[in-house]
Amino acid sequence: MTLHAPLRPGDRVKVTESVREIGELRETKLGVGRKWIVDVTYTNQRGELVGVETYRMFGYRRRSEP
């Protein structure tokens, strides 16, 4: 998380999520899936940027048991 400005009591915070990257399908021991990178942006009531979180994750579908 990168912080850009302090929040104060009474501030209203707007949260916006955006997908930055979706990787190609690949097979792992967990199953077939892909890498995702998601940015979560926080702004205050004046539209000022207060923080950005970046999530890197791997989403997959479990292999079916025979």
Protein backbone atom coordinates (compact mmCIF):
# COMPACT_ATOMS: atom_id res chain seq x y z
CA MET A 1 0.00 0.00 0.00
CA THR A 2 1.26 3.43 -0.91
CA LEU A 3 -0.08 6.32 1.18
CA HIS A 4 -0.27 9.77 -0.37
CA ALA A 5 -2.13 11.96 2.15
CA PRO A 6 -3.50 11.57 5.69
CA LEU A 7 -7.17 10.91 6.38
CA ARG A 8 -8.94 12.93 9.07
CA PRO A 9 -12.01 12.06 11.17
CA GLY A 10 -15.09 12.93 9.14
CA ASP A 11 -13.42 12.46 5.73
CA ARG A 12 -15.45 10.60 3.13
CA VAL A 13 -13.45 8.02 1.24
CA LYS A 14 -14.23 6.81 -2.28
CA VAL A 15 -12.80 3.43 -3.31
CA THR A 16 -12.20 2.44 -6.93
CA GLU A 17 -10.92 -0.95 -8.04
CA SER A 18 -9.35 -1.59 -11.42
CA VAL A 19 -7.82 -4.66 -12.99
CA ARG A 20 -4.33 -3.76 -14.19
CA GLU A 21 -3.32 -7.11 -15.61
CA ILE A 22 -4.77 -10.55 -16.35
CA GLY A 23 -2.17 -13.16 -17.19
CA GLU A 24 -2.31 -16.04 -19.62
CA LEU A 25 -3.80 -19.35 -18.52
CA ARG A 26 -1.24 -21.75 -17.10
CA GLU A 27 -1.29 -25.06 -15.31
CA THR A 28 0.11 -25.49 -11.79
CA LYS A 29 -0.10 -28.20 -9.15
CA LEU A 30 -3.24 -26.44 -7.88
CA GLY A 31 -4.99 -26.48 -11.25
CA VAL A 32 -5.40 -24.26 -14.30
CA GLY A 33 -5.46 -20.54 -13.57
CA ARG A 34 -4.04 -17.13 -14.24
CA LYS A 35 -2.30 -14.24 -12.47
CA TRP A 36 -4.31 -11.10 -11.64
CA ILE A 37 -3.10 -7.67 -10.57
CA VAL A 38 -5.76 -5.36 -9.09
CA ASP A 39 -5.26 -1.74 -7.95
CA VAL A 40 -7.53 -0.28 -5.27
CA THR A 41 -7.46 3.54 -5.25
CA TYR A 42 -8.67 5.68 -2.33
CA THR A 43 -9.61 9.36 -2.72
CA ASN A 44 -11.10 11.83 -0.23
CA GLN A 45 -14.13 14.08 -0.63
CA ARG A 46 -11.97 16.70 -2.39
CA GLY A 47 -10.86 14.15 -5.00
CA GLU A 48 -7.34 14.00 -3.58
CA LEU A 49 -5.51 10.71 -3.80
CA VAL A 50 -4.94 9.30 -0.30
CA GLY A 51 -3.70 5.78 -1.07
CA VAL A 52 -3.29 2.93 -3.52
CA GLU A 53 -3.25 -0.79 -2.68
CA THR A 54 -2.02 -3.35 -5.19
CA TYR A 55 -3.11 -6.99 -4.97
CA ARG A 56 -1.24 -9.68 -6.87
CA MET A 57 -3.05 -13.00 -6.87
CA PHE A 58 -3.40 -16.27 -8.71
CA GLY A 59 -6.96 -17.47 -9.39
CA TYR A 60 -7.43 -21.09 -10.38
CA ARG A 61 -9.98 -23.80 -10.89
CA ARG A 62 -9.31 -26.94 -8.90
CA ARG A 63 -8.67 -30.12 -10.78
CA SER A 64 -11.60 -32.50 -10.85
CA GLU A 65 -11.14 -35.68 -8.86
CA PRO A 66 -11.62 -38.87 -10.96
